Protein backbone atom coordinates (compact mmCIF):
# COMPACT_ATOMS: atom_id res chain seq x y z
CA MET A 1 95.52 98.67 108.96
CA MET A 2 93.92 101.48 106.96
CA VAL A 3 92.56 104.48 108.86
CA THR A 4 89.61 106.42 107.44
CA TYR A 5 90.75 109.82 106.20
CA LYS A 6 88.99 112.66 108.09
CA ASN A 7 88.39 114.64 104.89
CA SER A 8 87.95 118.01 106.61
CA SER A 9 86.86 119.73 103.39
CA GLY A 10 84.36 117.02 102.47
CA GLN A 11 85.70 117.12 98.91
CA SER A 12 88.84 114.98 99.08
CA GLY A 13 89.52 112.11 96.71
CA ILE A 14 91.12 110.17 99.56
CA LYS A 15 89.27 107.48 101.48
CA ALA A 16 91.89 106.05 103.86
CA TYR A 17 95.59 105.79 104.64
CA GLU A 18 98.07 103.63 106.50
CA ILE A 19 101.30 104.97 107.93
CA VAL A 20 104.28 102.61 107.80
CA PRO A 21 107.81 103.28 109.09
CA GLU A 22 109.27 104.57 105.80
CA GLY A 23 106.13 105.37 103.88
CA ILE A 24 102.41 105.83 103.61
CA ALA A 25 99.76 103.86 101.74
CA VAL A 26 96.94 106.01 100.42
CA GLN A 27 93.55 104.69 99.30
CA PHE A 28 91.67 106.88 96.88
CA MET A 29 87.88 106.99 96.55
CA ASP A 30 88.01 104.77 93.47
CA GLY A 31 89.53 102.01 95.65
CA ASP A 32 93.07 102.21 94.27
CA ILE A 33 95.79 102.05 96.92
CA TYR A 34 99.27 103.44 96.29
CA LEU A 35 102.36 103.09 98.46
CA TYR A 36 104.58 106.16 98.69
CA THR A 37 107.97 105.48 100.28
CA TYR A 38 111.11 107.36 101.19
CA ALA A 39 112.83 105.63 98.26
CA SER A 40 110.20 106.54 95.66
CA THR A 41 108.91 109.87 96.87
CA GLY A 42 111.56 111.23 99.23
CA LYS A 43 111.60 111.34 103.01
CA GLU A 44 110.53 114.99 103.28
CA ALA A 45 107.50 114.47 101.02
CA VAL A 46 106.42 111.28 102.78
CA GLU A 47 106.68 112.89 106.21
CA LYS A 48 104.60 115.83 104.95
CA MET A 49 102.01 113.39 103.60
CA LYS A 50 101.86 111.62 106.97
CA LYS A 51 101.18 114.92 108.76
CA LEU A 52 98.49 115.89 106.26
CA ALA A 53 96.87 112.46 106.53
CA VAL A 54 96.61 112.69 110.32
CA SER A 55 95.26 116.24 110.16
CA GLY A 56 92.68 115.32 107.51
CA LYS A 57 93.57 118.39 105.47
CA LYS A 58 94.75 118.77 101.87
CA LEU A 59 96.46 115.41 101.38
CA ALA A 60 94.93 114.92 97.92
CA THR A 61 95.99 118.43 96.91
CA TYR A 62 99.54 117.80 98.11
CA ILE A 63 99.74 114.53 96.20
CA SER A 64 98.41 116.03 92.96
CA GLN A 65 100.64 119.11 93.16
CA ASN A 66 103.85 117.61 94.52
CA VAL A 67 104.24 113.84 94.22
CA GLN A 68 101.79 112.74 91.49
CA ASP A 69 103.05 109.38 90.22
CA LYS A 70 106.14 109.04 92.44
CA PHE A 71 104.63 106.07 94.26
CA GLU A 72 106.63 102.87 94.78
CA LYS A 73 103.82 100.58 93.74
CA ARG A 74 100.10 100.21 93.32
CA LEU A 75 98.82 97.84 95.98
CA ARG A 76 95.29 97.58 94.60
């Protein structure tokens, strides 16, 4: 179940996220949803993304600067 991203800055390109045991699904404002997993992105990066998602701070920046297209698959 997707959780609305807090978007502390008010300028994020992220709309929602869903944390799963070995990954995180991220929905962007354009509606696209990408699944980032330990296998595709690395455990350390995914765990960082989970923390940023919960805090509502700088998840989009982290994705664009660190993981870019290292998603496992596009869900939508």
